[in-house]
Amino acid sequence: MLKGPGGRLVGVEVKSAGSVRSDDLRGLEDFAEAAGRKFHRGVLLYGGDTSVAFGSRLHAVPIASLWRW
């Protein structure tokens, strides 16, 4: 979890899988529910090569993107 200005929270999860399904974001969904209004975004870093949005505030992003400019 990352905490930003005004107490906004970002959940971060890492999976080694090369693909993601909506079920893979269950932990971030639970975090969003628990955080309530402070929840800003959830990011799942995974072993694939495509960024995928699961709604407006949940995203799966290739872990390799951390090293790309």
PDB file of N, CA and C in Angstrom:
ATOM      1  N   MET A   1       0.840  -1.167   0.000  1.00  0.00           N
ATOM      2  CA  MET A   1       0.000   0.000   0.000  1.00  0.00           C
ATOM      3  C   MET A   1       0.889   1.235   0.000  1.00  0.00           C
ATOM      4  N   LEU A   2       0.459   2.207  -0.772  1.00  0.00           N
ATOM      5  CA  LEU A   2       1.105   3.513  -0.793  1.00  0.00           C
ATOM      6  C   LEU A   2       0.108   4.540  -0.290  1.00  0.00           C
ATOM      7  N   LYS A   3       0.598   5.498   0.470  1.00  0.00           N
ATOM      8  CA  LYS A   3      -0.275   6.535   1.011  1.00  0.00           C
ATOM      9  C   LYS A   3       0.154   7.869   0.431  1.00  0.00           C
ATOM     10  N   GLY A   4      -0.790   8.588  -0.156  1.00  0.00           N
ATOM     11  CA  GLY A   4      -0.494   9.853  -0.810  1.00  0.00           C
ATOM     12  C   GLY A   4      -1.090  11.040  -0.079  1.00  0.00           C
ATOM     13  N   PRO A   5      -1.077  12.184  -0.750  1.00  0.00           N
ATOM     14  CA  PRO A   5      -1.619  13.408  -0.167  1.00  0.00           C
ATOM     15  C   PRO A   5      -3.063  13.222   0.294  1.00  0.00           C
ATOM     16  N   GLY A   6      -3.388  13.785   1.410  1.00  0.00           N
ATOM     17  CA  GLY A   6      -4.747  13.711   1.931  1.00  0.00           C
ATOM     18  C   GLY A   6      -5.151  12.329   2.398  1.00  0.00           C
ATOM     19  N   GLY A   7      -4.181  11.424   2.539  1.00  0.00           N
ATOM     20  CA  GLY A   7      -4.478  10.083   3.004  1.00  0.00           C
ATOM     21  C   GLY A   7      -4.998   9.143   1.934  1.00  0.00           C
ATOM     22  N   ARG A   8      -4.932   9.555   0.649  1.00  0.00           N
ATOM     23  CA  ARG A   8      -5.382   8.674  -0.436  1.00  0.00           C
ATOM     24  C   ARG A   8      -4.512   7.424  -0.465  1.00  0.00           C
ATOM     25  N   LEU A   9      -5.141   6.281  -0.717  1.00  0.00           N
ATOM     26  CA  LEU A   9      -4.441   5.001  -0.678  1.00  0.00           C
ATOM     27  C   LEU A   9      -4.410   4.341  -2.049  1.00  0.00           C
ATOM     28  N   VAL A  10      -3.257   3.761  -2.367  1.00  0.00           N
ATOM     29  CA  VAL A  10      -3.082   2.977  -3.590  1.00  0.00           C
ATOM     30  C   VAL A  10      -2.627   1.586  -3.175  1.00  0.00           C
ATOM     31  N   GLY A  11      -3.390   0.584  -3.589  1.00  0.00           N
ATOM     32  CA  GLY A  11      -3.011  -0.799  -3.319  1.00  0.00           C
ATOM     33  C   GLY A  11      -2.143  -1.317  -4.446  1.00  0.00           C
ATOM     34  N   VAL A  12      -1.091  -2.051  -4.093  1.00  0.00           N
ATOM     35  CA  VAL A  12      -0.188  -2.622  -5.086  1.00  0.00           C
ATOM     36  C   VAL A  12      -0.041  -4.106  -4.782  1.00  0.00           C
ATOM     37  N   GLU A  13      -0.224  -4.924  -5.805  1.00  0.00           N
ATOM     38  CA  GLU A  13      -0.075  -6.367  -5.668  1.00  0.00           C
ATOM     39  C   GLU A  13       0.809  -6.854  -6.811  1.00  0.00           C
ATOM     40  N   VAL A  14       1.581  -7.903  -6.561  1.00  0.00           N
ATOM     41  CA  VAL A  14       2.489  -8.450  -7.581  1.00  0.00           C
ATOM     42  C   VAL A  14       2.181  -9.924  -7.775  1.00  0.00           C
ATOM     43  N   LYS A  15       2.057 -10.329  -9.044  1.00  0.00           N
ATOM     44  CA  LYS A  15       1.842 -11.735  -9.397  1.00  0.00           C
ATOM     45  C   LYS A  15       2.811 -12.095 -10.507  1.00  0.00           C
ATOM     46  N   SER A  16       3.308 -13.314 -10.496  1.00  0.00           N
ATOM     47  CA  SER A  16       4.266 -13.739 -11.512  1.00  0.00           C
ATOM     48  C   SER A  16       3.606 -14.238 -12.790  1.00  0.00           C
ATOM     49  N   ALA A  17       2.300 -14.419 -12.783  1.00  0.00           N
ATOM     50  CA  ALA A  17       1.578 -14.963 -13.938  1.00  0.00           C
ATOM     51  C   ALA A  17       1.755 -14.078 -15.173  1.00  0.00           C
ATOM     52  N   GLY A  18       1.702 -14.690 -16.332  1.00  0.00           N
ATOM     53  CA  GLY A  18       1.830 -13.973 -17.595  1.00  0.00           C
ATOM     54  C   GLY A  18       0.512 -13.442 -18.120  1.00  0.00           C
ATOM     55  N   SER A  19      -0.588 -13.771 -17.456  1.00  0.00           N
ATOM     56  CA  SER A  19      -1.896 -13.262 -17.849  1.00  0.00           C
ATOM     57  C   SER A  19      -2.702 -12.979 -16.583  1.00  0.00           C
ATOM     58  N   VAL A  20      -3.730 -12.158 -16.725  1.00  0.00           N
ATOM     59  CA  VAL A  20      -4.566 -11.826 -15.573  1.00  0.00           C
ATOM     60  C   VAL A  20      -6.039 -11.983 -15.939  1.00  0.00           C
ATOM     61  N   ARG A  21      -6.819 -12.302 -14.905  1.00  0.00           N
ATOM     62  CA  ARG A  21      -8.272 -12.382 -15.017  1.00  0.00           C
ATOM     63  C   ARG A  21      -8.852 -11.491 -13.937  1.00  0.00           C
ATOM     64  N   SER A  22     -10.112 -11.190 -14.049  1.00  0.00           N
ATOM     65  CA  SER A  22     -10.731 -10.315 -13.051  1.00  0.00           C
ATOM     66  C   SER A  22     -10.622 -10.904 -11.644  1.00  0.00           C
ATOM     67  N   ASP A  23     -10.639 -12.233 -11.529  1.00  0.00           N
ATOM     68  CA  ASP A  23     -10.497 -12.874 -10.215  1.00  0.00           C
ATOM     69  C   ASP A  23      -9.163 -12.546  -9.552  1.00  0.00           C
ATOM     70  N   ASP A  24      -8.141 -12.256 -10.347  1.00  0.00           N
ATOM     71  CA  ASP A  24      -6.819 -11.954  -9.802  1.00  0.00           C
ATOM     72  C   ASP A  24      -6.794 -10.634  -9.039  1.00  0.00           C
ATOM     73  N   LEU A  25      -7.794  -9.810  -9.242  1.00  0.00           N
ATOM     74  CA  LEU A  25      -7.847  -8.517  -8.568  1.00  0.00           C
ATOM     75  C   LEU A  25      -8.718  -8.532  -7.318  1.00  0.00           C
ATOM     76  N   ARG A  26      -9.125  -9.708  -6.894  1.00  0.00           N
ATOM     77  CA  ARG A  26     -10.009  -9.827  -5.729  1.00  0.00           C
ATOM     78  C   ARG A  26      -9.403  -9.174  -4.491  1.00  0.00           C
ATOM     79  N   GLY A  27      -8.116  -9.369  -4.272  1.00  0.00           N
ATOM     80  CA  GLY A  27      -7.466  -8.761  -3.108  1.00  0.00           C
ATOM     81  C   GLY A  27      -7.511  -7.244  -3.151  1.00  0.00           C
ATOM     82  N   LEU A  28      -7.305  -6.667  -4.333  1.00  0.00           N
ATOM     83  CA  LEU A  28      -7.379  -5.212  -4.468  1.00  0.00           C
ATOM     84  C   LEU A  28      -8.809  -4.715  -4.311  1.00  0.00           C
ATOM     85  N   GLU A  29      -9.762  -5.495  -4.780  1.00  0.00           N
ATOM     86  CA  GLU A  29     -11.171  -5.122  -4.593  1.00  0.00           C
ATOM     87  C   GLU A  29     -11.527  -5.114  -3.110  1.00  0.00           C
ATOM     88  N   ASP A  30     -11.044  -6.107  -2.379  1.00  0.00           N
ATOM     89  CA  ASP A  30     -11.282  -6.154  -0.928  1.00  0.00           C
ATOM     90  C   ASP A  30     -10.631  -4.960  -0.232  1.00  0.00           C
ATOM     91  N   PHE A  31      -9.433  -4.629  -0.673  1.00  0.00           N
ATOM     92  CA  PHE A  31      -8.727  -3.475  -0.114  1.00  0.00           C
ATOM     93  C   PHE A  31      -9.519  -2.188  -0.383  1.00  0.00           C
ATOM     94  N   ALA A  32     -10.034  -2.045  -1.599  1.00  0.00           N
ATOM     95  CA  ALA A  32     -10.815  -0.859  -1.959  1.00  0.00           C
ATOM     96  C   ALA A  32     -12.038  -0.729  -1.063  1.00  0.00           C
ATOM     97  N   GLU A  33     -12.696  -1.840  -0.828  1.00  0.00           N
ATOM     98  CA  GLU A  33     -13.882  -1.823   0.030  1.00  0.00           C
ATOM     99  C   GLU A  33     -13.520  -1.432   1.458  1.00  0.00           C
ATOM    100  N   ALA A  34     -12.429  -1.983   1.959  1.00  0.00           N
ATOM    101  CA  ALA A  34     -12.014  -1.690   3.332  1.00  0.00           C
ATOM    102  C   ALA A  34     -11.542  -0.237   3.482  1.00  0.00           C
ATOM    103  N   ALA A  35     -10.882   0.295   2.453  1.00  0.00           N
ATOM    104  CA  ALA A  35     -10.350   1.658   2.515  1.00  0.00           C
ATOM    105  C   ALA A  35     -11.437   2.713   2.315  1.00  0.00           C
ATOM    106  N   GLY A  36     -12.524   2.327   1.694  1.00  0.00           N
ATOM    107  CA  GLY A  36     -13.627   3.272   1.495  1.00  0.00           C
ATOM    108  C   GLY A  36     -13.245   4.460   0.634  1.00  0.00           C
ATOM    109  N   ARG A  37     -13.630   5.637   1.086  1.00  0.00           N
ATOM    110  CA  ARG A  37     -13.409   6.856   0.300  1.00  0.00           C
ATOM    111  C   ARG A  37     -11.938   7.205   0.114  1.00  0.00           C
ATOM    112  N   LYS A  38     -11.068   6.665   0.960  1.00  0.00           N
ATOM    113  CA  LYS A  38      -9.642   6.963   0.834  1.00  0.00           C
ATOM    114  C   LYS A  38      -8.980   6.196  -0.312  1.00  0.00           C
ATOM    115  N   PHE A  39      -9.662   5.155  -0.809  1.00  0.00           N
ATOM    116  CA  PHE A  39      -9.095   4.363  -1.906  1.00  0.00           C
ATOM    117  C   PHE A  39      -9.007   5.215  -3.163  1.00  0.00           C
ATOM    118  N   HIS A  40      -7.810   5.249  -3.756  1.00  0.00           N
ATOM    119  CA  HIS A  40      -7.587   6.030  -4.979  1.00  0.00           C
ATOM    120  C   HIS A  40      -7.434   5.121  -6.194  1.00  0.00           C
ATOM    121  N   ARG A  41      -6.641   4.063  -6.052  1.00  0.00           N
ATOM    122  CA  ARG A  41      -6.364   3.196  -7.196  1.00  0.00           C
ATOM    123  C   ARG A  41      -5.766   1.889  -6.715  1.00  0.00           C
ATOM    124  N   GLY A  42      -5.928   0.839  -7.525  1.00  0.00           N
ATOM    125  CA  GLY A  42      -5.307  -0.449  -7.265  1.00  0.00           C
ATOM    126  C   GLY A  42      -4.512  -0.867  -8.492  1.00  0.00           C
ATOM    127  N   VAL A  43      -3.291  -1.320  -8.276  1.00  0.00           N
ATOM    128  CA  VAL A  43      -2.407  -1.710  -9.373  1.00  0.00           C
ATOM    129  C   VAL A  43      -1.905  -3.123  -9.126  1.00  0.00           C
ATOM    130  N   LEU A  44      -2.116  -3.981 -10.103  1.00  0.00           N
ATOM    131  CA  LEU A  44      -1.592  -5.338 -10.074  1.00  0.00           C
ATOM    132  C   LEU A  44      -0.437  -5.401 -11.062  1.00  0.00           C
ATOM    133  N   LEU A  45       0.761  -5.609 -10.562  1.00  0.00           N
ATOM    134  CA  LEU A  45       1.927  -5.796 -11.420  1.00  0.00           C
ATOM    135  C   LEU A  45       2.026  -7.277 -11.742  1.00  0.00           C
ATOM    136  N   TYR A  46       2.168  -7.611 -13.040  1.00  0.00           N
ATOM    137  CA  TYR A  46       2.190  -9.017 -13.421  1.00  0.00           C
ATOM    138  C   TYR A  46       3.187  -9.253 -14.540  1.00  0.00           C
ATOM    139  N   GLY A  47       3.417 -10.521 -14.874  1.00  0.00           N
ATOM    140  CA  GLY A  47       4.450 -10.904 -15.828  1.00  0.00           C
ATOM    141  C   GLY A  47       4.089 -10.790 -17.291  1.00  0.00           C
ATOM    142  N   GLY A  48       2.956 -10.224 -17.624  1.00  0.00           N
ATOM    143  CA  GLY A  48       2.537 -10.076 -19.014  1.00  0.00           C
ATOM    144  C   GLY A  48       3.142  -8.858 -19.674  1.00  0.00           C
ATOM    145  N   ASP A  49       2.602  -8.503 -20.849  1.00  0.00           N
ATOM    146  CA  ASP A  49       3.166  -7.368 -21.584  1.00  0.00           C
ATOM    147  C   ASP A  49       2.118  -6.338 -22.009  1.00  0.00           C
ATOM    148  N   THR A  50       0.909  -6.430 -21.468  1.00  0.00           N
ATOM    149  CA  THR A  50      -0.167  -5.517 -21.829  1.00  0.00           C
ATOM    150  C   THR A  50      -0.809  -4.931 -20.582  1.00  0.00           C
ATOM    151  N   SER A  51      -1.035  -3.623 -20.595  1.00  0.00           N
ATOM    152  CA  SER A  51      -1.777  -2.988 -19.504  1.00  0.00           C
ATOM    153  C   SER A  51      -3.265  -3.213 -19.726  1.00  0.00           C
ATOM    154  N   VAL A  52      -3.965  -3.559 -18.661  1.00  0.00           N
ATOM    155  CA  VAL A  52      -5.382  -3.873 -18.751  1.00  0.00           C
ATOM    156  C   VAL A  52      -6.129  -3.139 -17.643  1.00  0.00           C
ATOM    157  N   ALA A  53      -7.178  -2.415 -18.019  1.00  0.00           N
ATOM    158  CA  ALA A  53      -8.013  -1.739 -17.027  1.00  0.00           C
ATOM    159  C   ALA A  53      -9.160  -2.664 -16.628  1.00  0.00           C
ATOM    160  N   PHE A  54      -9.394  -2.757 -15.343  1.00  0.00           N
ATOM    161  CA  PHE A  54     -10.531  -3.494 -14.792  1.00  0.00           C
ATOM    162  C   PHE A  54     -11.400  -2.469 -14.075  1.00  0.00           C
ATOM    163  N   GLY A  55     -12.061  -1.635 -14.819  1.00  0.00           N
ATOM    164  CA  GLY A  55     -12.814  -0.530 -14.253  1.00  0.00           C
ATOM    165  C   GLY A  55     -11.963   0.725 -14.233  1.00  0.00           C
ATOM    166  N   SER A  56     -12.475   1.746 -13.583  1.00  0.00           N
ATOM    167  CA  SER A  56     -11.783   3.039 -13.610  1.00  0.00           C
ATOM    168  C   SER A  56     -10.632   3.151 -12.616  1.00  0.00           C
ATOM    169  N   ARG A  57     -10.592   2.265 -11.605  1.00  0.00           N
ATOM    170  CA  ARG A  57      -9.561   2.424 -10.572  1.00  0.00           C
ATOM    171  C   ARG A  57      -8.740   1.168 -10.302  1.00  0.00           C
ATOM    172  N   LEU A  58      -8.935   0.127 -11.090  1.00  0.00           N
ATOM    173  CA  LEU A  58      -8.144  -1.099 -10.944  1.00  0.00           C
ATOM    174  C   LEU A  58      -7.463  -1.396 -12.267  1.00  0.00           C
ATOM    175  N   HIS A  59      -6.151  -1.605 -12.197  1.00  0.00           N
ATOM    176  CA  HIS A  59      -5.370  -1.806 -13.412  1.00  0.00           C
ATOM    177  C   HIS A  59      -4.345  -2.913 -13.223  1.00  0.00           C
ATOM    178  N   ALA A  60      -4.155  -3.712 -14.265  1.00  0.00           N
ATOM    179  CA  ALA A  60      -3.071  -4.686 -14.305  1.00  0.00           C
ATOM    180  C   ALA A  60      -2.019  -4.105 -15.246  1.00  0.00           C
ATOM    181  N   VAL A  61      -0.779  -4.049 -14.768  1.00  0.00           N
ATOM    182  CA  VAL A  61       0.300  -3.397 -15.511  1.00  0.00           C
ATOM    183  C   VAL A  61       1.493  -4.335 -15.540  1.00  0.00           C
ATOM    184  N   PRO A  62       2.131  -4.491 -16.709  1.00  0.00           N
ATOM    185  CA  PRO A  62       3.319  -5.349 -16.766  1.00  0.00           C
ATOM    186  C   PRO A  62       4.394  -4.869 -15.794  1.00  0.00           C
ATOM    187  N   ILE A  63       4.951  -5.799 -15.054  1.00  0.00           N
ATOM    188  CA  ILE A  63       5.985  -5.416 -14.094  1.00  0.00           C
ATOM    189  C   ILE A  63       7.204  -4.817 -14.800  1.00  0.00           C
ATOM    190  N   ALA A  64       7.433  -5.227 -16.044  1.00  0.00           N
ATOM    191  CA  ALA A  64       8.550  -4.690 -16.818  1.00  0.00           C
ATOM    192  C   ALA A  64       8.398  -3.192 -17.066  1.00  0.00           C
ATOM    193  N   SER A  65       7.183  -2.674 -16.967  1.00  0.00           N
ATOM    194  CA  SER A  65       6.981  -1.231 -17.193  1.00  0.00           C
ATOM    195  C   SER A  65       7.677  -0.381 -16.112  1.00  0.00           C
ATOM    196  N   LEU A  66       8.031  -0.987 -14.996  1.00  0.00           N
ATOM    197  CA  LEU A  66       8.770  -0.257 -13.972  1.00  0.00           C
ATOM    198  C   LEU A  66      10.148   0.174 -14.455  1.00  0.00           C
ATOM    199  N   TRP A  67      10.684  -0.541 -15.451  1.00  0.00           N
ATOM    200  CA  TRP A  67      12.017  -0.244 -15.949  1.00  0.00           C
ATOM    201  C   TRP A  67      12.010   0.451 -17.301  1.00  0.00           C
ATOM    202  N   ARG A  68      10.824   0.724 -17.852  1.00  0.00           N
ATOM    203  CA  ARG A  68      10.728   1.452 -19.120  1.00  0.00           C
ATOM    204  C   ARG A  68      10.481   2.914 -18.842  1.00  0.00           C
ATOM    205  N   TRP A  69      10.952   3.755 -19.716  1.00  0.00           N
ATOM    206  CA  TRP A  69      10.738   5.184 -19.552  1.00  0.00           C
ATOM    207  C   TRP A  69       9.517   5.610 -20.277  1.00  0.00           C
TER     208      TRP A  69
END
